[in-house]
Full PDB file with SEQRES, HELIX, SHEET, SSBOND, CRYST1, ORIGX, SCALE, CONECT and MASTER records, all heavy atoms in Angstrom:
SEQRES   1 A   33  CYS VAL GLN PHE VAL CYS GLU SER ALA THR GLU GLN VAL          
SEQRES   2 A   33  VAL PRO LEU LEU ARG HIS VAL GLN GLU ARG GLY ASN THR          
SEQRES   3 A   33  THR VAL TYR GLU TRP ARG ARG                                  
HELIX    1 AA1 VAL A    2  VAL A    5  1                                   4    
HELIX    2 AA2 PRO A   15  ARG A   23  1                                   9    
HELIX    3 AA3 VAL A   28  ARG A   32  1                                   5    
CRYST1    1.000    1.000    1.000  90.00  90.00  90.00 P 1           1          
ORIGX1      1.000000  0.000000  0.000000        0.00000                         
ORIGX2      0.000000  1.000000  0.000000        0.00000                         
ORIGX3      0.000000  0.000000  1.000000        0.00000                         
SCALE1      1.000000  0.000000  0.000000        0.00000                         
SCALE2      0.000000  1.000000  0.000000        0.00000                         
SCALE3      0.000000  0.000000  1.000000        0.00000                         
ATOM      1  N   CYS A   1     -11.326  -9.910   7.795  1.00  0.00           N  
ATOM      2  CA  CYS A   1     -12.549 -10.623   8.181  1.00  0.00           C  
ATOM      3  C   CYS A   1     -13.198 -11.262   6.955  1.00  0.00           C  
ATOM      4  O   CYS A   1     -13.663 -12.411   7.017  1.00  0.00           O  
ATOM      5  CB  CYS A   1     -13.505  -9.673   8.871  1.00  0.00           C  
ATOM      6  SG  CYS A   1     -14.994 -10.477   9.532  1.00  0.00           S  
ATOM      7  N   VAL A   2     -13.232 -10.544   5.826  1.00  0.00           N  
ATOM      8  CA  VAL A   2     -13.833 -11.100   4.613  1.00  0.00           C  
ATOM      9  C   VAL A   2     -13.025 -12.303   4.131  1.00  0.00           C  
ATOM     10  O   VAL A   2     -13.593 -13.345   3.759  1.00  0.00           O  
ATOM     11  CB  VAL A   2     -13.923 -10.014   3.521  1.00  0.00           C  
ATOM     12  CG1 VAL A   2     -14.318 -10.630   2.180  1.00  0.00           C  
ATOM     13  CG2 VAL A   2     -14.932  -8.948   3.917  1.00  0.00           C  
ATOM     14  N   GLN A   3     -11.709 -12.180   4.124  1.00  0.00           N  
ATOM     15  CA  GLN A   3     -10.874 -13.294   3.670  1.00  0.00           C  
ATOM     16  C   GLN A   3     -10.954 -14.488   4.627  1.00  0.00           C  
ATOM     17  O   GLN A   3     -10.840 -15.639   4.198  1.00  0.00           O  
ATOM     18  CB  GLN A   3      -9.428 -12.834   3.529  1.00  0.00           C  
ATOM     19  CG  GLN A   3      -9.218 -11.855   2.379  1.00  0.00           C  
ATOM     20  CD  GLN A   3      -7.782 -11.391   2.276  1.00  0.00           C  
ATOM     21  OE1 GLN A   3      -6.964 -11.675   3.150  1.00  0.00           O  
ATOM     22  NE2 GLN A   3      -7.476 -10.663   1.200  1.00  0.00           N  
ATOM     23  N   PHE A   4     -11.149 -14.228   5.918  1.00  0.00           N  
ATOM     24  CA  PHE A   4     -11.243 -15.327   6.878  1.00  0.00           C  
ATOM     25  C   PHE A   4     -12.587 -16.047   6.763  1.00  0.00           C  
ATOM     26  O   PHE A   4     -12.651 -17.278   6.793  1.00  0.00           O  
ATOM     27  CB  PHE A   4     -11.053 -14.786   8.299  1.00  0.00           C  
ATOM     28  CG  PHE A   4     -11.269 -15.819   9.366  1.00  0.00           C  
ATOM     29  CD1 PHE A   4     -10.369 -16.860   9.547  1.00  0.00           C  
ATOM     30  CD2 PHE A   4     -12.400 -15.755  10.184  1.00  0.00           C  
ATOM     31  CE1 PHE A   4     -10.576 -17.819  10.531  1.00  0.00           C  
ATOM     32  CE2 PHE A   4     -12.613 -16.713  11.163  1.00  0.00           C  
ATOM     33  CZ  PHE A   4     -11.704 -17.747  11.339  1.00  0.00           C  
ATOM     34  N   VAL A   5     -13.654 -15.284   6.619  1.00  0.00           N  
ATOM     35  CA  VAL A   5     -14.984 -15.894   6.534  1.00  0.00           C  
ATOM     36  C   VAL A   5     -15.195 -16.534   5.176  1.00  0.00           C  
ATOM     37  O   VAL A   5     -15.703 -17.654   5.064  1.00  0.00           O  
ATOM     38  CB  VAL A   5     -16.075 -14.845   6.832  1.00  0.00           C  
ATOM     39  CG1 VAL A   5     -17.464 -15.444   6.628  1.00  0.00           C  
ATOM     40  CG2 VAL A   5     -15.931 -14.320   8.253  1.00  0.00           C  
ATOM     41  N   CYS A   6     -14.806 -15.790   4.101  1.00  0.00           N  
ATOM     42  CA  CYS A   6     -14.940 -16.321   2.735  1.00  0.00           C  
ATOM     43  C   CYS A   6     -13.539 -16.694   2.264  1.00  0.00           C  
ATOM     44  O   CYS A   6     -12.803 -15.837   1.764  1.00  0.00           O  
ATOM     45  CB  CYS A   6     -15.585 -15.298   1.816  1.00  0.00           C  
ATOM     46  SG  CYS A   6     -17.175 -14.669   2.401  1.00  0.00           S  
ATOM     47  N   GLU A   7     -13.161 -17.933   2.433  1.00  0.00           N  
ATOM     48  CA  GLU A   7     -11.783 -18.332   2.175  1.00  0.00           C  
ATOM     49  C   GLU A   7     -11.402 -18.162   0.719  1.00  0.00           C  
ATOM     50  O   GLU A   7     -10.243 -17.935   0.394  1.00  0.00           O  
ATOM     51  CB  GLU A   7     -11.592 -19.792   2.599  1.00  0.00           C  
ATOM     52  CG  GLU A   7     -11.812 -20.022   4.087  1.00  0.00           C  
ATOM     53  CD  GLU A   7     -11.646 -21.487   4.452  1.00  0.00           C  
ATOM     54  OE1 GLU A   7     -11.428 -22.285   3.516  1.00  0.00           O  
ATOM     55  OE2 GLU A   7     -11.724 -21.820   5.655  1.00  0.00           O  
ATOM     56  N   SER A   8     -12.375 -18.245  -0.175  1.00  0.00           N  
ATOM     57  CA  SER A   8     -12.047 -18.138  -1.597  1.00  0.00           C  
ATOM     58  C   SER A   8     -12.060 -16.704  -2.106  1.00  0.00           C  
ATOM     59  O   SER A   8     -11.779 -16.466  -3.281  1.00  0.00           O  
ATOM     60  CB  SER A   8     -13.043 -18.977  -2.416  1.00  0.00           C  
ATOM     61  OG  SER A   8     -14.380 -18.491  -2.214  1.00  0.00           O  
ATOM     62  N   ALA A   9     -12.410 -15.752  -1.257  1.00  0.00           N  
ATOM     63  CA  ALA A   9     -12.506 -14.354  -1.691  1.00  0.00           C  
ATOM     64  C   ALA A   9     -11.107 -13.789  -1.850  1.00  0.00           C  
ATOM     65  O   ALA A   9     -10.301 -13.812  -0.913  1.00  0.00           O  
ATOM     66  CB  ALA A   9     -13.299 -13.534  -0.679  1.00  0.00           C  
ATOM     67  N   THR A  10     -10.795 -13.280  -3.042  1.00  0.00           N  
ATOM     68  CA  THR A  10      -9.468 -12.711  -3.317  1.00  0.00           C  
ATOM     69  C   THR A  10      -9.514 -11.230  -3.642  1.00  0.00           C  
ATOM     70  O   THR A  10      -8.488 -10.547  -3.557  1.00  0.00           O  
ATOM     71  CB  THR A  10      -8.821 -13.450  -4.500  1.00  0.00           C  
ATOM     72  OG1 THR A  10      -9.681 -13.350  -5.650  1.00  0.00           O  
ATOM     73  CG2 THR A  10      -8.605 -14.919  -4.153  1.00  0.00           C  
ATOM     74  N   GLU A  11     -10.682 -10.731  -4.044  1.00  0.00           N  
ATOM     75  CA  GLU A  11     -10.735  -9.322  -4.419  1.00  0.00           C  
ATOM     76  C   GLU A  11     -10.713  -8.442  -3.184  1.00  0.00           C  
ATOM     77  O   GLU A  11     -11.099  -8.837  -2.087  1.00  0.00           O  
ATOM     78  CB  GLU A  11     -11.992  -9.033  -5.233  1.00  0.00           C  
ATOM     79  CG  GLU A  11     -13.294  -9.292  -4.472  1.00  0.00           C  
ATOM     80  CD  GLU A  11     -14.490  -8.996  -5.324  1.00  0.00           C  
ATOM     81  OE1 GLU A  11     -14.649  -9.638  -6.380  1.00  0.00           O  
ATOM     82  OE2 GLU A  11     -15.265  -8.112  -4.925  1.00  0.00           O  
ATOM     83  N   GLN A  12     -10.251  -7.208  -3.397  1.00  0.00           N  
ATOM     84  CA  GLN A  12     -10.134  -6.269  -2.303  1.00  0.00           C  
ATOM     85  C   GLN A  12     -11.483  -5.609  -2.021  1.00  0.00           C  
ATOM     86  O   GLN A  12     -12.251  -5.331  -2.940  1.00  0.00           O  
ATOM     87  CB  GLN A  12      -9.096  -5.188  -2.631  1.00  0.00           C  
ATOM     88  CG  GLN A  12      -7.669  -5.712  -2.694  1.00  0.00           C  
ATOM     89  CD  GLN A  12      -6.682  -4.574  -2.928  1.00  0.00           C  
ATOM     90  OE1 GLN A  12      -7.077  -3.505  -3.388  1.00  0.00           O  
ATOM     91  NE2 GLN A  12      -5.426  -4.821  -2.611  1.00  0.00           N  
ATOM     92  N   VAL A  13     -11.735  -5.376  -0.746  1.00  0.00           N  
ATOM     93  CA  VAL A  13     -12.961  -4.673  -0.364  1.00  0.00           C  
ATOM     94  C   VAL A  13     -12.726  -3.167  -0.477  1.00  0.00           C  
ATOM     95  O   VAL A  13     -11.584  -2.698  -0.470  1.00  0.00           O  
ATOM     96  CB  VAL A  13     -13.377  -5.044   1.078  1.00  0.00           C  
ATOM     97  CG1 VAL A  13     -13.722  -6.520   1.173  1.00  0.00           C  
ATOM     98  CG2 VAL A  13     -12.276  -4.682   2.066  1.00  0.00           C  
ATOM     99  N   VAL A  14     -13.815  -2.427  -0.590  1.00  0.00           N  
ATOM    100  CA  VAL A  14     -13.818  -0.953  -0.686  1.00  0.00           C  
ATOM    101  C   VAL A  14     -12.642  -0.448  -1.526  1.00  0.00           C  
ATOM    102  O   VAL A  14     -11.751   0.235  -1.020  1.00  0.00           O  
ATOM    103  CB  VAL A  14     -13.842  -0.306   0.712  1.00  0.00           C  
ATOM    104  CG1 VAL A  14     -15.174  -0.541   1.395  1.00  0.00           C  
ATOM    105  CG2 VAL A  14     -12.714  -0.840   1.613  1.00  0.00           C  
ATOM    106  N   PRO A  15     -12.596  -0.761  -2.818  1.00  0.00           N  
ATOM    107  CA  PRO A  15     -11.422  -0.384  -3.629  1.00  0.00           C  
ATOM    108  C   PRO A  15     -11.240   1.126  -3.744  1.00  0.00           C  
ATOM    109  O   PRO A  15     -10.102   1.623  -3.673  1.00  0.00           O  
ATOM    110  CB  PRO A  15     -11.721  -1.014  -4.989  1.00  0.00           C  
ATOM    111  CG  PRO A  15     -13.205  -1.198  -5.019  1.00  0.00           C  
ATOM    112  CD  PRO A  15     -13.612  -1.483  -3.618  1.00  0.00           C  
ATOM    113  N   LEU A  16     -12.336   1.869  -3.932  1.00  0.00           N  
ATOM    114  CA  LEU A  16     -12.192   3.320  -4.070  1.00  0.00           C  
ATOM    115  C   LEU A  16     -11.725   3.954  -2.769  1.00  0.00           C  
ATOM    116  O   LEU A  16     -10.853   4.842  -2.776  1.00  0.00           O  
ATOM    117  CB  LEU A  16     -13.529   3.934  -4.499  1.00  0.00           C  
ATOM    118  CG  LEU A  16     -13.533   5.455  -4.706  1.00  0.00           C  
ATOM    119  CD1 LEU A  16     -12.526   5.848  -5.759  1.00  0.00           C  
ATOM    120  CD2 LEU A  16     -14.926   5.941  -5.092  1.00  0.00           C  
ATOM    121  N   LEU A  17     -12.259   3.489  -1.659  1.00  0.00           N  
ATOM    122  CA  LEU A  17     -11.826   4.015  -0.365  1.00  0.00           C  
ATOM    123  C   LEU A  17     -10.354   3.697  -0.118  1.00  0.00           C  
ATOM    124  O   LEU A  17      -9.599   4.528   0.401  1.00  0.00           O  
ATOM    125  CB  LEU A  17     -12.701   3.421   0.744  1.00  0.00           C  
ATOM    126  CG  LEU A  17     -12.406   3.873   2.167  1.00  0.00           C  
ATOM    127  CD1 LEU A  17     -12.523   5.389   2.292  1.00  0.00           C  
ATOM    128  CD2 LEU A  17     -13.358   3.188   3.151  1.00  0.00           C  
ATOM    129  N   ARG A  18      -9.943   2.513  -0.531  1.00  0.00           N  
ATOM    130  CA  ARG A  18      -8.529   2.147  -0.379  1.00  0.00           C  
ATOM    131  C   ARG A  18      -7.646   3.030  -1.253  1.00  0.00           C  
ATOM    132  O   ARG A  18      -6.553   3.445  -0.853  1.00  0.00           O  
ATOM    133  CB  ARG A  18      -8.355   0.674  -0.738  1.00  0.00           C  
ATOM    134  CG  ARG A  18      -6.986   0.109  -0.438  1.00  0.00           C  
ATOM    135  CD  ARG A  18      -6.896  -1.312  -0.962  1.00  0.00           C  
ATOM    136  NE  ARG A  18      -7.809  -2.198  -0.256  1.00  0.00           N  
ATOM    137  CZ  ARG A  18      -7.483  -2.847   0.864  1.00  0.00           C  
ATOM    138  NH1 ARG A  18      -6.282  -2.697   1.388  1.00  0.00           N  
ATOM    139  NH2 ARG A  18      -8.359  -3.650   1.444  1.00  0.00           N  
ATOM    140  N   HIS A  19      -8.130   3.345  -2.471  1.00  0.00           N  
ATOM    141  CA  HIS A  19      -7.376   4.216  -3.370  1.00  0.00           C  
ATOM    142  C   HIS A  19      -7.210   5.610  -2.763  1.00  0.00           C  
ATOM    143  O   HIS A  19      -6.106   6.183  -2.791  1.00  0.00           O  
ATOM    144  CB  HIS A  19      -8.093   4.306  -4.720  1.00  0.00           C  
ATOM    145  CG  HIS A  19      -7.472   5.270  -5.672  1.00  0.00           C  
ATOM    146  ND1 HIS A  19      -6.424   4.938  -6.512  1.00  0.00           N  
ATOM    147  CD2 HIS A  19      -7.756   6.581  -5.937  1.00  0.00           C  
ATOM    148  CE1 HIS A  19      -6.089   5.992  -7.231  1.00  0.00           C  
ATOM    149  NE2 HIS A  19      -6.888   7.005  -6.911  1.00  0.00           N  
ATOM    150  N   VAL A  20      -8.298   6.167  -2.231  1.00  0.00           N  
ATOM    151  CA  VAL A  20      -8.213   7.495  -1.616  1.00  0.00           C  
ATOM    152  C   VAL A  20      -7.329   7.454  -0.381  1.00  0.00           C  
ATOM    153  O   VAL A  20      -6.568   8.400  -0.112  1.00  0.00           O  
ATOM    154  CB  VAL A  20      -9.628   8.009  -1.268  1.00  0.00           C  
ATOM    155  CG1 VAL A  20      -9.557   9.330  -0.524  1.00  0.00           C  
ATOM    156  CG2 VAL A  20     -10.469   8.168  -2.527  1.00  0.00           C  
ATOM    157  N   GLN A  21      -7.392   6.351   0.351  1.00  0.00           N  
ATOM    158  CA  GLN A  21      -6.562   6.244   1.547  1.00  0.00           C  
ATOM    159  C   GLN A  21      -5.077   6.185   1.191  1.00  0.00           C  
ATOM    160  O   GLN A  21      -4.245   6.699   1.920  1.00  0.00           O  
ATOM    161  CB  GLN A  21      -6.991   4.992   2.320  1.00  0.00           C  
ATOM    162  CG  GLN A  21      -6.193   4.705   3.582  1.00  0.00           C  
ATOM    163  CD  GLN A  21      -5.071   3.711   3.328  1.00  0.00           C  
ATOM    164  OE1 GLN A  21      -5.244   2.753   2.586  1.00  0.00           O  
ATOM    165  NE2 GLN A  21      -3.931   3.965   3.926  1.00  0.00           N  
ATOM    166  N   GLU A  22      -4.756   5.599   0.047  1.00  0.00           N  
ATOM    167  CA  GLU A  22      -3.346   5.474  -0.342  1.00  0.00           C  
ATOM    168  C   GLU A  22      -2.842   6.692  -1.102  1.00  0.00           C  
ATOM    169  O   GLU A  22      -1.725   7.162  -0.865  1.00  0.00           O  
ATOM    170  CB  GLU A  22      -3.166   4.214  -1.198  1.00  0.00           C  
ATOM    171  CG  GLU A  22      -3.434   2.910  -0.441  1.00  0.00           C  
ATOM    172  CD  GLU A  22      -3.359   1.704  -1.354  1.00  0.00           C  
ATOM    173  OE1 GLU A  22      -3.236   1.916  -2.597  1.00  0.00           O  
ATOM    174  OE2 GLU A  22      -3.435   0.565  -0.847  1.00  0.00           O  
ATOM    175  N   ARG A  23      -3.670   7.242  -2.034  1.00  0.00           N  
ATOM    176  CA  ARG A  23      -3.185   8.309  -2.914  1.00  0.00           C  
ATOM    177  C   ARG A  23      -3.861   9.654  -2.694  1.00  0.00           C  
ATOM    178  O   ARG A  23      -3.445  10.644  -3.296  1.00  0.00           O  
ATOM    179  CB  ARG A  23      -3.379   7.898  -4.376  1.00  0.00           C  
ATOM    180  CG  ARG A  23      -2.687   6.599  -4.745  1.00  0.00           C  
ATOM    181  CD  ARG A  23      -2.766   6.363  -6.236  1.00  0.00           C  
ATOM    182  NE  ARG A  23      -2.153   5.105  -6.623  1.00  0.00           N  
ATOM    183  CZ  ARG A  23      -2.012   4.696  -7.886  1.00  0.00           C  
ATOM    184  NH1 ARG A  23      -2.460   5.461  -8.881  1.00  0.00           N  
ATOM    185  NH2 ARG A  23      -1.445   3.532  -8.141  1.00  0.00           N  
ATOM    186  N   GLY A  24      -4.900   9.679  -1.881  1.00  0.00           N  
ATOM    187  CA  GLY A  24      -5.591  10.932  -1.652  1.00  0.00           C  
ATOM    188  C   GLY A  24      -6.717  11.151  -2.663  1.00  0.00           C  
ATOM    189  O   GLY A  24      -7.081  10.258  -3.430  1.00  0.00           O  
ATOM    190  N   ASN A  25      -7.233  12.363  -2.695  1.00  0.00           N  
ATOM    191  CA  ASN A  25      -8.345  12.713  -3.586  1.00  0.00           C  
ATOM    192  C   ASN A  25      -7.803  13.000  -4.987  1.00  0.00           C  
ATOM    193  O   ASN A  25      -7.685  14.145  -5.417  1.00  0.00           O  
ATOM    194  CB  ASN A  25      -9.099  13.930  -3.027  1.00  0.00           C  
ATOM    195  CG  ASN A  25     -10.345  14.246  -3.833  1.00  0.00           C  
ATOM    196  OD1 ASN A  25     -10.920  13.375  -4.473  1.00  0.00           O  
ATOM    197  ND2 ASN A  25     -10.745  15.503  -3.811  1.00  0.00           N  
ATOM    198  N   THR A  26      -7.498  11.944  -5.715  1.00  0.00           N  
ATOM    199  CA  THR A  26      -6.905  12.090  -7.042  1.00  0.00           C  
ATOM    200  C   THR A  26      -7.987  12.375  -8.078  1.00  0.00           C  
ATOM    201  O   THR A  26      -9.179  12.448  -7.772  1.00  0.00           O  
ATOM    202  CB  THR A  26      -6.152  10.804  -7.419  1.00  0.00           C  
ATOM    203  OG1 THR A  26      -7.101   9.732  -7.506  1.00  0.00           O  
ATOM    204  CG2 THR A  26      -5.101  10.468  -6.379  1.00  0.00           C  
ATOM    205  N   THR A  27      -7.554  12.488  -9.326  1.00  0.00           N  
ATOM    206  CA  THR A  27      -8.505  12.682 -10.408  1.00  0.00           C  
ATOM    207  C   THR A  27      -9.167  11.358 -10.773  1.00  0.00           C  
ATOM    208  O   THR A  27      -8.673  10.281 -10.448  1.00  0.00           O  
ATOM    209  CB  THR A  27      -7.797  13.251 -11.643  1.00  0.00           C  
ATOM    210  OG1 THR A  27      -6.791  12.319 -12.059  1.00  0.00           O  
ATOM    211  CG2 THR A  27      -7.162  14.598 -11.339  1.00  0.00           C  
ATOM    212  N   VAL A  28     -10.316  11.462 -11.440  1.00  0.00           N  
ATOM    213  CA  VAL A  28     -11.002  10.261 -11.912  1.00  0.00           C  
ATOM    214  C   VAL A  28     -10.131   9.517 -12.925  1.00  0.00           C  
ATOM    215  O   VAL A  28     -10.144   8.281 -12.990  1.00  0.00           O  
ATOM    216  CB  VAL A  28     -12.369  10.642 -12.516  1.00  0.00           C  
ATOM    217  CG1 VAL A  28     -13.095   9.420 -13.060  1.00  0.00           C  
ATOM    218  CG2 VAL A  28     -13.236  11.363 -11.486  1.00  0.00           C  
ATOM    219  N   TYR A  29      -9.350  10.257 -13.695  1.00  0.00           N  
ATOM    220  CA  TYR A  29      -8.437   9.665 -14.680  1.00  0.00           C  
ATOM    221  C   TYR A  29      -7.461   8.704 -13.992  1.00  0.00           C  
ATOM    222  O   TYR A  29      -7.252   7.570 -14.449  1.00  0.00           O  
ATOM    223  CB  TYR A  29      -7.690  10.792 -15.395  1.00  0.00           C  
ATOM    224  CG  TYR A  29      -6.696  10.336 -16.430  1.00  0.00           C  
ATOM    225  CD1 TYR A  29      -7.053  10.256 -17.773  1.00  0.00           C  
ATOM    226  CD2 TYR A  29      -5.387  10.015 -16.080  1.00  0.00           C  
ATOM    227  CE1 TYR A  29      -6.136   9.841 -18.727  1.00  0.00           C  
ATOM    228  CE2 TYR A  29      -4.468   9.602 -17.021  1.00  0.00           C  
ATOM    229  CZ  TYR A  29      -4.834   9.516 -18.346  1.00  0.00           C  
ATOM    230  OH  TYR A  29      -3.945   9.108 -19.292  1.00  0.00           O  
ATOM    231  N   GLU A  30      -6.875   9.155 -12.885  1.00  0.00           N  
ATOM    232  CA  GLU A  30      -5.902   8.312 -12.178  1.00  0.00           C  
ATOM    233  C   GLU A  30      -6.590   7.102 -11.564  1.00  0.00           C  
ATOM    234  O   GLU A  30      -6.016   6.010 -11.507  1.00  0.00           O  
ATOM    235  CB  GLU A  30      -5.208   9.142 -11.097  1.00  0.00           C  
ATOM    236  CG  GLU A  30      -4.117   8.387 -10.356  1.00  0.00           C  
ATOM    237  CD  GLU A  30      -3.362   9.273  -9.396  1.00  0.00           C  
ATOM    238  OE1 GLU A  30      -3.564  10.507  -9.454  1.00  0.00           O  
ATOM    239  OE2 GLU A  30      -2.572   8.735  -8.590  1.00  0.00           O  
ATOM    240  N   TRP A  31      -7.829   7.249 -11.089  1.00  0.00           N  
ATOM    241  CA  TRP A  31      -8.548   6.124 -10.499  1.00  0.00           C  
ATOM    242  C   TRP A  31      -8.876   5.070 -11.552  1.00  0.00           C  
ATOM    243  O   TRP A  31      -8.776   3.868 -11.296  1.00  0.00           O  
ATOM    244  CB  TRP A  31      -9.813   6.648  -9.834  1.00  0.00           C  
ATOM    245  CG  TRP A  31     -10.935   5.662  -9.693  1.00  0.00           C  
ATOM    246  CD1 TRP A  31     -12.129   5.672 -10.337  1.00  0.00           C  
ATOM    247  CD2 TRP A  31     -10.958   4.500  -8.862  1.00  0.00           C  
ATOM    248  NE1 TRP A  31     -12.911   4.614  -9.963  1.00  0.00           N  
ATOM    249  CE2 TRP A  31     -12.212   3.859  -9.042  1.00  0.00           C  
ATOM    250  CE3 TRP A  31     -10.049   3.917  -7.983  1.00  0.00           C  
ATOM    251  CZ2 TRP A  31     -12.565   2.699  -8.382  1.00  0.00           C  
ATOM    252  CZ3 TRP A  31     -10.418   2.750  -7.328  1.00  0.00           C  
ATOM    253  CH2 TRP A  31     -11.656   2.153  -7.515  1.00  0.00           C  
ATOM    254  N   ARG A  32      -9.234   5.504 -12.757  1.00  0.00           N  
ATOM    255  CA  ARG A  32      -9.633   4.555 -13.790  1.00  0.00           C  
ATOM    256  C   ARG A  32      -8.441   3.903 -14.469  1.00  0.00           C  
ATOM    257  O   ARG A  32      -8.496   2.723 -14.829  1.00  0.00           O  
ATOM    258  CB  ARG A  32     -10.494   5.257 -14.826  1.00  0.00           C  
ATOM    259  CG  ARG A  32     -11.870   5.655 -14.292  1.00  0.00           C  
ATOM    260  CD  ARG A  32     -12.693   6.383 -15.335  1.00  0.00           C  
ATOM    261  NE  ARG A  32     -14.039   6.690 -14.842  1.00  0.00           N  
ATOM    262  CZ  ARG A  32     -14.928   7.402 -15.516  1.00  0.00           C  
ATOM    263  NH1 ARG A  32     -14.619   7.887 -16.718  1.00  0.00           N  
ATOM    264  NH2 ARG A  32     -16.116   7.639 -14.995  1.00  0.00           N  
ATOM    265  N   ARG A  33      -7.340   4.657 -14.661  1.00  0.00           N  
ATOM    266  CA  ARG A  33      -6.200   4.133 -15.417  1.00  0.00           C  
ATOM    267  C   ARG A  33      -5.029   3.723 -14.543  1.00  0.00           C  
ATOM    268  O   ARG A  33      -4.098   3.065 -15.025  1.00  0.00           O  
ATOM    269  CB  ARG A  33      -5.737   5.158 -16.438  1.00  0.00           C  
ATOM    270  CG  ARG A  33      -6.858   5.603 -17.377  1.00  0.00           C  
ATOM    271  CD  ARG A  33      -6.333   6.274 -18.588  1.00  0.00           C  
ATOM    272  NE  ARG A  33      -7.409   6.702 -19.490  1.00  0.00           N  
ATOM    273  CZ  ARG A  33      -7.203   7.184 -20.710  1.00  0.00           C  
ATOM    274  NH1 ARG A  33      -5.961   7.305 -21.176  1.00  0.00           N  
ATOM    275  NH2 ARG A  33      -8.231   7.547 -21.449  1.00  0.00           N  
TER     276      ARG A  33                                                      
MASTER        0    0    0    3    0    0    0    6  275    1    0    3          
END                                                                             
């Protein structure tokens, strides 16, 4: 919906939520690096 409404938007929405959804409750180290 964001990419359709804002055609120039390339960044991902909810990055931390997407990270947890893909890798689980990882360490802060893994999230930052």
